[in-house]
Amino acid sequence: MPAKGTHQSLEARLKISKTLMGHPGAMLGIHHSEETRRKISESHKGEKSIWFGTHHSAEWRYLQSQRVAGSNNPFFGKHHSIETRMKISEMQRGKKHKPHSEETRFKIGIANSGENSGHWKGDTVGYGQLHEWVRTHKPRVEICEICGIAPVTVIANISGQYKRDINDYKWTCQSCNITKLKTPNHKFNGFFKQLIAQRKKRIKEKGG
């Protein structure tokens, strides 16, 4: 047996594997019962675990992550077949999973927000979603940033190009938004025209 802290060579491990293959004391073709697996699991929980109270260092975790990142990952470039995915789905159906803590949910939310989100569309985002993003990131004021008199009602784009830049938006009153910011070169002019046409059509139908 190697000394503590040392590792057996690949050749030595292969020899051991071949020696045990098919051996009466080996587990080849044998499976533990549900009860045995439960007992083994219980014997390694909590303070009985060799890892109880210990943690891997940040450096170790980073190195392990890099070791299987990208093309080093055995599953890199591969995909589960539809059949395999269906089997995984059936295995997970009905299982009760421990809910995440508030702290964990918050961390997951932060890790998947903004450009890290799978739904991130960059500058190709729609009119409503873009305004929602700006309202979330631009501090709100109470008085119109253009006239300085009326109370704020909307967040308005300045350049008319609707870039994902909070400096290209102002909190304004409805009057300043319509009379001072809407120009012929606005990116969403077609959207506004379509919206107005739909409203006129609904009004006409109700009146008829």
Protein backbone atom coordinates (compact mmCIF):
# COMPACT_ATOMS: atom_id res chain seq x y z
CA MET A 1 0.00 0.00 0.00
CA PRO A 2 1.43 3.40 -0.94
CA ALA A 3 2.31 5.86 1.82
CA LYS A 4 -0.27 8.46 2.79
CA GLY A 5 -0.21 11.42 0.42
CA THR A 6 1.31 9.47 -2.49
CA HIS A 7 -0.45 8.12 -5.57
CA GLN A 8 -0.20 4.83 -7.41
CA SER A 9 0.93 4.99 -11.02
CA LEU A 10 -1.51 4.34 -13.83
CA GLU A 11 0.27 1.06 -14.56
CA ALA A 12 -0.16 -0.09 -10.95
CA ARG A 13 -3.84 0.81 -10.96
CA LEU A 14 -4.41 -1.10 -14.20
CA LYS A 15 -2.72 -4.18 -12.70
CA ILE A 16 -4.95 -4.02 -9.63
CA SER A 17 -8.01 -3.60 -11.83
CA LYS A 18 -7.10 -6.65 -13.95
CA THR A 19 -6.33 -8.71 -10.83
CA LEU A 20 -9.76 -8.01 -9.32
CA MET A 21 -11.66 -8.45 -12.58
CA GLY A 22 -13.89 -11.49 -12.17
CA HIS A 23 -12.38 -12.26 -8.76
CA PRO A 24 -14.81 -13.79 -6.21
CA GLY A 25 -14.20 -10.84 -3.92
CA ALA A 26 -14.90 -8.28 -6.62
CA MET A 27 -18.30 -6.66 -7.34
CA LEU A 28 -18.33 -7.53 -11.05
CA GLY A 29 -21.97 -8.06 -12.06
CA ILE A 30 -23.14 -7.61 -8.46
CA HIS A 31 -25.26 -4.70 -7.20
CA HIS A 32 -25.90 -3.52 -3.66
CA SER A 33 -29.50 -3.73 -2.48
CA GLU A 34 -31.48 -0.54 -1.75
CA GLU A 35 -31.10 -1.19 1.99
CA THR A 36 -27.32 -1.65 1.72
CA ARG A 37 -26.93 1.52 -0.33
CA ARG A 38 -29.00 3.42 2.23
CA LYS A 39 -26.79 2.13 5.06
CA ILE A 40 -23.62 3.10 3.18
CA SER A 41 -25.06 6.54 2.55
CA GLU A 42 -25.99 7.02 6.21
CA SER A 43 -22.53 5.88 7.33
CA HIS A 44 -20.94 8.74 5.39
CA LYS A 45 -23.27 11.57 6.38
CA GLY A 46 -22.59 14.47 8.74
CA GLU A 47 -19.74 14.02 11.19
CA LYS A 48 -19.08 10.52 9.83
CA SER A 49 -17.92 11.99 6.53
CA ILE A 50 -14.15 12.32 6.04
CA TRP A 51 -14.86 15.80 4.60
CA PHE A 52 -16.90 16.99 7.59
CA GLY A 53 -15.82 20.49 8.61
CA THR A 54 -13.28 20.81 5.79
CA HIS A 55 -13.46 22.73 2.53
CA HIS A 56 -11.48 22.85 -0.68
CA SER A 57 -9.50 26.04 -1.14
CA ALA A 58 -10.60 28.56 -3.78
CA GLU A 59 -7.42 27.82 -5.74
CA TRP A 60 -8.13 24.06 -5.74
CA ARG A 61 -11.72 24.60 -6.91
CA TYR A 62 -10.54 26.90 -9.70
CA LEU A 63 -7.93 24.38 -10.90
CA GLN A 64 -10.49 21.56 -10.88
CA SER A 65 -12.91 23.73 -12.83
CA GLN A 66 -10.28 24.54 -15.46
CA ARG A 67 -9.27 20.88 -15.69
CA VAL A 68 -12.67 19.95 -17.15
CA ALA A 69 -13.49 23.23 -18.91
CA GLY A 70 -14.07 23.56 -22.65
CA SER A 71 -12.46 20.90 -24.81
CA ASN A 72 -11.08 19.16 -21.70
CA ASN A 73 -14.60 18.16 -20.71
CA PRO A 74 -15.34 14.53 -21.68
CA PHE A 75 -18.78 15.65 -22.89
CA PHE A 76 -17.46 18.57 -24.96
CA GLY A 77 -19.25 18.79 -28.31
CA LYS A 78 -21.58 15.93 -27.43
CA HIS A 79 -25.34 15.94 -26.78
CA HIS A 80 -27.72 13.54 -25.10
CA SER A 81 -30.02 11.76 -27.52
CA ILE A 82 -33.77 12.34 -27.26
CA GLU A 83 -34.12 8.84 -25.83
CA THR A 84 -31.54 9.54 -23.11
CA ARG A 85 -33.17 12.86 -22.23
CA MET A 86 -36.54 11.14 -21.90
CA LYS A 87 -35.01 8.54 -19.57
CA ILE A 88 -33.43 11.26 -17.40
CA SER A 89 -36.75 13.09 -17.31
CA GLU A 90 -38.61 9.94 -16.19
CA MET A 91 -36.02 9.25 -13.49
CA GLN A 92 -36.38 12.76 -12.06
CA ARG A 93 -40.18 12.82 -12.21
CA GLY A 94 -41.77 12.77 -8.77
CA LYS A 95 -38.50 13.32 -6.91
CA LYS A 96 -38.55 15.92 -4.17
CA HIS A 97 -35.53 18.20 -4.22
CA LYS A 98 -34.39 20.30 -1.30
CA PRO A 99 -35.30 23.94 -2.05
CA HIS A 100 -32.48 26.48 -2.37
CA SER A 101 -31.96 28.97 0.44
CA GLU A 102 -32.73 32.66 -0.11
CA GLU A 103 -29.00 33.39 -0.29
CA THR A 104 -28.42 30.68 -2.91
CA ARG A 105 -31.39 31.85 -5.02
CA PHE A 106 -30.03 35.41 -4.89
CA LYS A 107 -26.57 34.24 -6.03
CA ILE A 108 -28.09 32.21 -8.87
CA GLY A 109 -30.14 35.23 -9.92
CA ILE A 110 -27.07 37.49 -9.99
CA ALA A 111 -25.03 34.87 -11.87
CA ASN A 112 -27.70 34.61 -14.59
CA SER A 113 -28.63 38.28 -14.92
CA GLY A 114 -27.65 40.76 -17.63
CA GLU A 115 -25.31 39.48 -20.33
CA ASN A 116 -25.01 36.12 -18.53
CA SER A 117 -28.68 35.41 -19.11
CA GLY A 118 -29.65 32.91 -21.78
CA HIS A 119 -32.35 35.38 -22.88
CA TRP A 120 -29.92 38.28 -23.35
CA LYS A 121 -30.47 39.86 -26.79
CA GLY A 122 -28.07 42.80 -26.68
CA ASP A 123 -29.09 45.67 -28.97
CA THR A 124 -31.63 43.53 -30.86
CA VAL A 125 -34.06 43.64 -27.93
CA GLY A 126 -37.63 44.87 -28.48
CA TYR A 127 -39.08 48.25 -27.51
CA GLY A 128 -40.84 47.14 -24.32
CA GLN A 129 -38.00 44.96 -23.02
CA LEU A 130 -35.43 47.72 -23.66
CA HIS A 131 -37.46 50.27 -21.69
CA GLU A 132 -37.88 47.77 -18.87
CA TRP A 133 -34.10 47.30 -18.76
CA VAL A 134 -33.52 51.08 -18.64
CA ARG A 135 -36.13 51.56 -15.88
CA THR A 136 -34.31 48.90 -13.83
CA HIS A 137 -30.83 50.41 -14.25
CA LYS A 138 -31.39 54.19 -14.45
CA PRO A 139 -32.11 55.89 -11.09
CA ARG A 140 -35.56 57.45 -11.15
CA VAL A 141 -36.14 61.15 -10.49
CA GLU A 142 -39.41 62.87 -9.58
CA ILE A 143 -39.25 65.94 -11.87
CA CYS A 144 -38.93 65.93 -15.68
CA GLU A 145 -35.26 66.14 -16.71
CA ILE A 146 -36.14 68.33 -19.73
CA CYS A 147 -38.55 71.01 -18.55
CA GLY A 148 -37.73 70.71 -14.86
CA ILE A 149 -41.34 71.48 -13.91
CA ALA A 150 -43.79 68.63 -14.53
CA PRO A 151 -43.69 65.32 -12.67
CA VAL A 152 -42.10 62.33 -14.39
CA THR A 153 -44.38 59.86 -16.19
CA VAL A 154 -42.13 58.01 -18.70
CA ILE A 155 -38.55 57.07 -19.51
CA ALA A 156 -37.74 58.52 -22.94
CA ASN A 157 -34.99 57.91 -25.48
CA ILE A 158 -32.94 60.94 -26.57
CA SER A 159 -31.13 59.95 -29.79
CA GLY A 160 -34.00 58.04 -31.33
CA GLN A 161 -31.75 55.03 -31.93
CA TYR A 162 -32.76 53.16 -28.75
CA LYS A 163 -29.28 51.98 -27.74
CA ARG A 164 -28.69 49.94 -24.61
CA ASP A 165 -27.15 52.94 -22.86
CA ILE A 166 -28.82 54.54 -19.83
CA ASN A 167 -27.18 57.88 -20.73
CA ASP A 168 -29.29 57.90 -23.92
CA TYR A 169 -32.49 58.15 -21.86
CA LYS A 170 -34.17 60.74 -19.67
CA TRP A 171 -37.02 60.65 -17.16
CA THR A 172 -39.61 63.01 -18.67
CA CYS A 173 -43.18 64.16 -18.48
CA GLN A 174 -45.52 63.00 -21.25
CA SER A 175 -45.57 66.45 -22.90
CA CYS A 176 -41.77 66.69 -23.30
CA ASN A 177 -41.62 63.10 -24.47
CA ILE A 178 -44.02 63.79 -27.35
CA THR A 179 -43.11 67.37 -28.36
CA LYS A 180 -39.33 67.51 -27.80
CA LEU A 181 -37.97 63.99 -28.23
CA LYS A 182 -39.99 62.28 -30.98
CA THR A 183 -38.16 62.85 -34.29
CA PRO A 184 -38.57 61.35 -37.83
CA ASN A 185 -35.38 59.25 -37.45
CA HIS A 186 -36.63 57.33 -34.41
CA LYS A 187 -35.82 53.63 -34.65
CA PHE A 188 -39.32 52.58 -33.55
CA ASN A 189 -41.34 55.03 -35.65
CA GLY A 190 -42.85 52.11 -37.55
CA PHE A 191 -43.86 50.55 -34.23
CA PHE A 192 -45.59 53.77 -33.13
CA LYS A 193 -47.43 54.11 -36.45
CA GLN A 194 -48.65 50.52 -36.24
CA LEU A 195 -49.76 51.04 -32.63
CA ILE A 196 -51.70 54.19 -33.51
CA ALA A 197 -53.33 52.46 -36.50
CA GLN A 198 -54.45 49.57 -34.27
CA ARG A 199 -55.95 51.96 -31.73
CA LYS A 200 -57.82 53.89 -34.42
CA LYS A 201 -59.16 50.61 -35.81
CA ARG A 202 -60.43 49.51 -32.37
CA ILE A 203 -62.09 52.89 -31.80
CA LYS A 204 -63.74 52.72 -35.22
CA GLU A 205 -65.01 49.16 -34.56
CA LYS A 206 -66.48 50.15 -31.20
CA GLY A 207 -68.13 53.20 -32.71
CA GLY A 208 -69.60 51.09 -35.53
